[in-house]
Protein backbone atom coordinates (compact mmCIF):
# COMPACT_ATOMS: atom_id res chain seq x y z
CA MET A 1 20.17 4.89 17.06
CA ASP A 2 22.89 7.36 17.63
CA PHE A 3 25.04 6.68 20.50
CA PRO A 4 24.73 9.36 23.23
CA PHE A 5 28.49 10.31 23.60
CA SER A 6 27.47 13.62 25.26
CA LEU A 7 26.43 11.47 28.29
CA PHE A 8 30.07 11.06 29.15
CA PHE A 9 30.80 14.80 28.97
CA LEU A 10 27.84 15.43 31.27
CA LEU A 11 29.44 13.01 33.75
CA GLY A 12 32.64 14.90 33.65
CA ILE A 13 34.52 12.42 31.46
CA ASP A 14 36.37 14.32 28.75
CA ARG A 15 37.70 11.34 26.89
CA PHE A 16 35.63 8.40 25.75
CA TRP A 17 37.93 5.39 25.15
CA LEU A 18 36.29 2.71 27.21
CA LEU A 19 35.61 0.43 24.26
CA GLU A 20 37.02 -0.16 20.76
CA THR A 21 35.16 1.40 17.91
CA SER A 22 34.98 -2.00 16.27
CA PHE A 23 32.87 -3.22 19.09
CA ILE A 24 30.56 -0.24 19.05
CA ASN A 25 30.14 -0.56 15.21
CA ASN A 26 28.97 -4.16 15.62
CA LEU A 27 26.15 -3.29 18.09
CA THR A 28 22.59 -4.65 17.29
CA PRO A 29 19.81 -2.13 17.29
CA LEU A 30 18.96 -3.22 20.93
CA GLY A 31 22.67 -3.27 21.90
CA GLY A 32 22.92 0.60 22.15
CA PRO A 33 20.68 1.07 25.16
CA CYS A 34 22.19 -1.94 26.91
CA LEU A 35 25.69 -0.72 26.36
CA CYS A 36 24.70 2.80 27.54
CA GLY A 37 23.28 1.38 30.78
CA TYR A 38 26.34 -0.82 31.22
CA LEU A 39 28.84 2.01 30.88
CA VAL A 40 26.94 4.31 33.20
CA LEU A 41 27.22 1.56 35.91
CA GLN A 42 30.92 1.20 35.13
CA LEU A 43 31.35 4.94 35.42
CA LEU A 44 29.45 5.15 38.70
CA TYR A 45 31.60 2.33 40.08
CA LEU A 46 34.83 3.99 39.18
CA SER A 47 33.71 7.37 40.44
CA SER A 48 32.82 5.87 43.78
CA SER A 49 36.21 4.14 44.17
CA SER A 50 38.59 5.57 46.64
CA ASN A 51 41.31 5.04 44.11
CA PHE A 52 39.55 7.15 41.40
CA LYS A 53 41.82 9.79 39.80
CA PRO A 54 40.94 12.42 37.20
CA LEU A 55 41.53 11.47 33.54
CA GLU A 56 44.57 13.12 32.12
CA GLU A 57 46.65 12.20 29.13
CA GLU A 58 49.55 11.24 31.38
CA ASN A 59 47.46 9.24 33.79
CA PHE A 60 47.48 5.61 32.67
CA ASP A 61 45.66 4.04 35.68
CA ILE A 62 42.22 3.91 33.94
CA VAL A 63 43.79 2.40 30.90
CA GLU A 64 45.23 -0.45 33.03
CA GLU A 65 41.90 -0.83 34.82
CA MET A 66 39.97 -1.06 31.51
CA SER A 67 42.50 -3.47 30.09
CA ARG A 68 41.96 -5.74 33.11
CA ARG A 69 38.19 -5.52 32.92
CA HIS A 70 37.99 -5.66 29.13
CA PRO A 71 40.75 -7.85 27.70
CA LYS A 72 40.06 -6.50 24.20
CA PHE A 73 41.01 -2.94 25.15
CA GLU A 74 44.68 -2.23 24.57
CA ARG A 75 46.41 1.15 23.88
CA ARG A 76 48.79 0.84 21.04
CA LEU A 77 51.16 3.83 21.05
CA PRO A 78 52.73 5.22 17.92
CA LYS A 79 56.40 4.23 17.46
CA ARG A 80 57.38 7.86 16.84
CA ILE A 81 55.91 11.26 16.99
CA ILE A 82 57.84 13.45 14.60
CA LEU A 83 57.49 17.25 14.84
CA MET A 84 58.49 19.34 11.90
CA ARG A 85 58.63 23.03 11.04
CA HIS A 86 57.70 24.09 7.47
CA GLY A 87 60.24 24.86 4.72
CA GLU A 88 61.59 28.40 4.02
CA SER A 89 58.67 30.79 3.25
CA GLN A 90 58.59 34.04 1.51
CA GLY A 91 58.08 35.71 4.95
CA ASN A 92 61.24 34.04 6.20
CA LEU A 93 63.14 35.55 3.27
CA ASP A 94 61.56 38.99 3.36
CA MET A 95 59.49 40.32 6.28
CA SER A 96 57.90 42.79 3.97
CA ALA A 97 55.84 40.08 2.42
CA TYR A 98 53.52 40.17 5.53
CA THR A 99 52.55 43.71 4.63
CA THR A 100 50.80 42.64 1.43
CA THR A 101 49.93 38.94 2.05
CA PRO A 102 47.94 37.43 4.94
CA ASP A 103 50.14 35.22 7.27
CA TYR A 104 48.24 32.10 6.40
CA ARG A 105 48.78 32.58 2.72
CA ILE A 106 52.53 33.19 2.71
CA PRO A 107 53.93 30.60 0.25
CA LEU A 108 57.19 28.58 0.34
CA THR A 109 60.08 29.69 -1.70
CA PRO A 110 61.75 27.37 -4.26
CA LEU A 111 64.38 26.53 -1.54
CA GLY A 112 61.59 25.75 0.85
CA ALA A 113 60.08 23.20 -1.47
CA GLU A 114 63.50 21.68 -1.95
CA GLN A 115 63.95 21.49 1.82
CA ALA A 116 60.64 19.85 2.27
CA ARG A 117 61.50 17.03 -0.36
CA ALA A 118 64.80 16.43 1.42
CA ALA A 119 63.05 16.29 4.85
CA GLY A 120 60.55 13.77 3.46
CA ARG A 121 63.40 11.55 2.53
CA GLY A 122 64.90 12.02 5.99
CA ILE A 123 61.63 11.15 7.64
CA ARG A 124 61.24 8.04 5.53
CA GLU A 125 64.72 6.98 6.43
CA ALA A 126 63.93 7.38 10.08
CA VAL A 127 60.57 5.53 10.25
CA SER A 128 61.79 2.74 7.97
CA GLU A 129 65.06 2.40 9.97
CA GLY A 130 67.06 2.56 6.73
CA GLY A 131 64.79 0.05 5.11
CA ARG A 132 65.06 -2.49 7.92
CA ALA A 133 61.65 -2.03 9.37
CA PRO A 134 58.99 -3.96 7.22
CA GLY A 135 55.63 -2.83 8.66
CA TRP A 136 55.91 0.98 9.10
CA LYS A 137 53.28 3.46 8.21
CA VAL A 138 52.72 7.17 8.73
CA TYR A 139 49.83 9.43 9.63
CA PHE A 140 50.07 13.27 9.08
CA TYR A 141 48.71 16.21 10.97
CA VAL A 142 49.21 19.61 9.23
CA SER A 143 48.70 23.20 10.09
CA PRO A 144 46.17 24.93 7.64
CA TYR A 145 48.62 27.55 6.60
CA GLU A 146 49.87 27.57 2.93
CA ARG A 147 53.52 27.06 3.83
CA THR A 148 52.79 24.02 5.92
CA ARG A 149 50.25 22.52 3.47
CA SER A 150 52.88 22.96 0.65
CA THR A 151 55.58 21.44 2.86
CA LEU A 152 53.50 18.41 3.47
CA ARG A 153 52.78 18.05 -0.31
CA GLU A 154 56.52 17.94 -0.98
CA ILE A 155 57.18 15.47 2.02
CA GLY A 156 54.56 13.20 0.54
CA ARG A 157 56.64 12.61 -2.57
CA ALA A 158 58.92 10.42 -0.45
CA PHE A 159 56.15 7.94 0.48
CA PRO A 160 54.19 5.41 -1.42
CA LYS A 161 50.39 5.53 -1.11
CA GLU A 162 50.16 2.27 0.93
CA ARG A 163 52.49 3.63 3.57
CA ILE A 164 50.25 6.65 4.38
CA LEU A 165 47.40 5.81 6.83
CA GLY A 166 45.88 9.31 6.50
CA VAL A 167 46.16 13.08 6.97
CA ARG A 168 44.26 15.64 8.86
CA GLU A 169 44.38 19.44 8.77
CA GLU A 170 44.36 20.64 12.37
CA CYS A 171 43.83 24.40 13.07
CA ARG A 172 45.12 24.15 16.72
CA ILE A 173 48.68 23.58 15.51
CA ARG A 174 48.71 26.83 13.39
CA GLU A 175 51.25 29.51 13.74
CA GLN A 176 51.16 32.02 16.67
CA ASP A 177 49.00 34.90 15.76
CA PHE A 178 51.23 37.94 15.58
CA GLY A 179 48.48 40.50 15.09
CA ASN A 180 48.59 43.24 12.53
CA PHE A 181 51.70 42.71 10.21
CA GLN A 182 50.91 45.60 7.82
CA VAL A 183 53.20 48.04 9.56
CA GLU A 184 56.71 46.42 9.19
CA GLU A 185 58.59 48.78 11.39
CA ARG A 186 56.09 48.50 14.25
CA MET A 187 56.41 44.72 14.13
CA LYS A 188 60.20 44.85 14.38
CA VAL A 189 59.89 47.03 17.48
CA ILE A 190 57.33 44.74 19.00
CA LYS A 191 59.46 41.53 18.28
CA GLU A 192 62.47 43.29 19.92
CA THR A 193 60.28 44.04 23.09
CA ARG A 194 59.27 40.47 23.20
CA GLN A 195 62.91 39.41 23.30
CA ARG A 196 63.50 41.63 26.32
CA PHE A 197 60.39 40.61 28.25
CA GLY A 198 60.24 36.87 27.36
CA ARG A 199 58.68 34.93 24.61
CA PHE A 200 56.22 32.88 26.55
CA PHE A 201 54.00 35.45 28.26
CA PHE A 202 54.46 38.41 25.94
CA ARG A 203 51.27 38.87 23.90
CA PHE A 204 51.34 40.60 20.60
CA PRO A 205 48.80 43.41 20.21
CA GLU A 206 45.65 41.96 18.55
CA GLY A 207 47.60 38.58 18.61
CA GLU A 208 48.70 35.73 20.79
CA SER A 209 51.30 35.00 23.36
CA ALA A 210 53.06 31.61 23.48
CA ALA A 211 50.91 30.89 26.59
CA ASP A 212 47.84 31.18 24.36
CA VAL A 213 49.46 28.79 21.85
CA PHE A 214 50.15 26.36 24.81
CA ASP A 215 46.38 26.27 25.68
CA ARG A 216 45.24 25.21 22.16
CA VAL A 217 48.10 22.87 21.79
CA ALA A 218 47.02 21.15 25.08
CA SER A 219 43.51 20.81 23.56
CA PHE A 220 44.97 19.25 20.44
CA MET A 221 46.89 16.73 22.56
CA GLU A 222 43.69 15.67 24.20
CA SER A 223 42.27 15.00 20.74
CA LEU A 224 45.44 13.22 19.76
CA TRP A 225 44.97 10.86 22.73
CA ARG A 226 41.39 10.10 21.75
CA ASP A 227 42.43 9.37 18.11
CA ILE A 228 45.05 6.89 19.50
CA ASP A 229 42.72 5.22 22.09
CA MET A 230 39.76 5.02 19.68
CA LYS A 231 42.10 3.51 17.08
CA ARG A 232 41.19 6.16 14.47
CA ILE A 233 44.82 6.40 13.41
CA ASP A 234 45.93 2.78 13.53
CA GLN A 235 43.82 -0.18 12.58
CA ASP A 236 46.61 -2.50 11.58
CA GLU A 237 48.08 -4.42 14.56
CA ASN A 238 50.91 -5.74 12.35
CA SER A 239 52.40 -2.31 11.42
CA GLU A 240 54.18 0.35 13.31
CA THR A 241 52.50 3.75 13.24
CA ASN A 242 54.47 7.01 13.08
CA LEU A 243 52.76 10.38 13.46
CA VAL A 244 54.28 13.34 11.59
CA ILE A 245 53.06 16.76 12.75
CA VAL A 246 53.91 19.56 10.18
CA SER A 247 53.67 22.85 11.99
CA HIS A 248 55.63 25.97 12.96
CA GLY A 249 58.67 26.70 15.02
CA LEU A 250 57.05 28.15 18.15
CA THR A 251 54.16 25.75 18.06
CA THR A 252 56.46 22.70 17.93
CA ARG A 253 58.54 24.00 20.85
CA VAL A 254 55.32 24.53 22.94
CA PHE A 255 54.24 20.96 22.00
CA LEU A 256 57.51 19.68 23.45
CA MET A 257 57.13 21.83 26.51
CA LYS A 258 53.60 20.49 27.22
CA TRP A 259 54.46 16.86 26.42
CA PHE A 260 57.61 16.84 28.56
CA LYS A 261 56.28 19.16 31.24
CA TRP A 262 59.08 21.73 30.86
CA THR A 263 58.91 24.89 32.87
CA VAL A 264 58.51 28.37 31.43
CA ASP A 265 62.20 29.04 32.20
CA GLN A 266 63.20 25.79 30.34
CA PHE A 267 60.97 26.86 27.37
CA GLU A 268 62.84 30.21 27.12
CA ARG A 269 66.12 28.34 26.76
CA LEU A 270 65.00 26.67 23.58
CA ASN A 271 66.28 27.73 20.09
CA ASN A 272 63.88 27.75 17.22
CA LEU A 273 63.96 24.96 14.74
CA GLU A 274 65.47 25.69 11.31
CA ASN A 275 63.17 25.39 8.28
CA CYS A 276 62.23 21.66 7.70
CA GLU A 277 64.19 20.58 10.82
CA PHE A 278 62.37 17.97 12.66
CA ARG A 279 62.44 16.42 16.21
CA VAL A 280 61.78 12.68 16.60
CA MET A 281 60.10 11.57 19.88
CA GLN A 282 60.61 7.80 19.90
CA LEU A 283 58.93 5.22 22.14
CA GLY A 284 61.28 3.57 24.54
CA PRO A 285 60.95 0.07 26.00
CA GLY A 286 59.29 1.35 29.14
CA GLY A 287 56.49 3.25 27.41
CA GLU A 288 58.00 6.71 27.59
CA TYR A 289 58.83 8.93 24.56
CA SER A 290 62.35 10.40 24.46
CA LEU A 291 64.29 12.63 22.09
CA LEU A 292 67.48 10.84 23.03
CA ILE A 293 66.68 7.63 21.06
CA HIS A 294 66.84 9.08 17.68
CA HIS A 295 68.89 12.22 18.35
CA THR A 296 72.22 12.68 20.12
CA GLN A 297 73.15 14.57 23.37
CA GLU A 298 74.99 17.14 21.25
CA GLU A 299 71.90 17.83 19.11
CA LEU A 300 69.89 18.49 22.28
CA GLU A 301 72.60 20.80 23.72
CA ARG A 302 72.58 22.64 20.38
CA TRP A 303 68.74 23.06 20.72
CA GLY A 304 69.30 24.84 24.02
CA MET A 305 68.30 22.10 26.46
CA SER A 306 69.76 22.35 29.84
CA PRO A 307 71.69 19.46 31.62
CA GLU A 308 68.54 18.75 33.72
CA MET A 309 66.32 18.50 30.66
CA ILE A 310 68.88 16.15 28.95
CA ALA A 311 69.04 14.06 31.95
CA ASP A 312 65.24 13.70 31.89
CA GLN A 313 65.44 12.60 28.15
CA GLN A 314 68.10 10.03 29.14
CA TRP A 315 65.82 8.62 31.80
CA ARG A 316 62.82 8.52 29.47
CA ALA A 317 64.77 6.47 26.85
CA THR A 318 64.87 3.53 29.17
CA ALA A 319 62.59 4.11 32.07
CA ASN A 320 59.46 2.35 33.17
CA ARG A 321 56.39 4.47 33.31
CA GLY A 322 55.35 5.61 36.82
CA THR A 323 58.79 5.80 38.46
CA TRP A 324 59.59 9.41 37.40
CA ASN A 325 59.29 10.99 40.85
CA GLU A 326 61.63 8.43 42.46
CA ASP A 327 64.21 8.30 39.66
CA CYS A 328 64.32 11.97 38.82
CA SER A 329 64.11 13.57 42.21
CA TRP A 330 66.61 16.16 41.17
CA TYR A 331 63.72 17.86 39.42
CA LEU A 332 62.21 18.97 42.68
CA THR A 333 65.17 21.18 43.45
CA SER A 334 64.04 23.61 40.76
CA PHE A 335 60.87 24.31 42.89
CA PHE A 336 62.03 23.82 46.47
CA ASP A 337 64.96 24.80 48.59
CA GLY A 338 66.66 22.70 51.40
CA LEU A 339 64.47 19.62 50.99
CA GLU A 340 65.34 16.93 53.65
CA ASP A 341 66.24 13.46 52.42
CA SER A 342 64.02 11.56 54.87
CA GLU A 343 61.41 11.84 57.52
CA ASP A 344 60.90 9.43 60.38
CA PRO A 345 57.44 8.03 61.25
CA ASP A 346 56.98 10.40 64.22
CA GLY A 347 57.56 13.47 62.08
CA GLU A 348 61.16 14.10 63.33
CA ARG A 349 63.57 14.95 60.42
CA ASN A 350 66.98 13.56 60.22
CA GLY A 351 67.40 12.98 63.88
CA GLU A 352 66.18 16.28 65.11
CA ASN A 353 64.52 15.85 68.57
CA GLU A 354 61.30 17.38 69.36
CA LEU A 355 61.58 20.09 72.05
């Protein structure tokens, strides 16, 4: 019988990662109803607990609870998440290409293909740690646009088949929709207007804003966590998995913004990626991803990151998950003015006496 996954959505649970797929696949014909009843009781118990919190990708409390209750459950995070922009396209070379060719069909230039092959070698060097890592593998996500698919095809030349776990075309990481490109001069004026009013909230006529892209990237991240938790990506416990996401410049910056919880002002600081430039988010010893494990501080400064954003990456490189508010309290000053350092049990702050 088919397992009623919709039950969990009706209960308000938007991510089903309570059990490993290998366990579900081994159910007997009578095991399905029993498992269904068991999980309903588990969910009712969790929802009635005073410590229950909503499920979010950054909330690992439920993962820890399920690991304790079900010893077989364990989240194995990818060693790296690598974000890459496509190679040089005909549209990058000549904006008039968009007046005759749909955006999703814009091809790579010969230089763009060469850039992609070089980037493939660079990614392989990173994930293999210069040939020192024996058990590495890669899994690819790619935007459906012609220039990203062609970039991936050239990247693939650097990897033997046994190192590639899989690949998936993902529409939610496509390019920002810029609307009607057919009138070149009109698009130039609109892009200049966006620069004056801000890139994040400005919506192109008949197109998208970066905020719209943020919403679909957030949805993609939820699916990404489900893929990780359900072990759809990594089935080999003896290998290190590396995710490679071949996408577009703005989409990549929005992904980083969502992941690291950057503000709109911080997003506006960021410079676009060059063609086939990639960002490596690497897992630190405390379970946090950081850009400052693979990259240097000078690179982050060149990308437009502020001192506070760089300090956060430094913390993530060595931090233990769950101590962010205590260790990075400087972040609060970007939202509040004049915060007191302490408060006594009676509600009197810093020695001020009640009148």
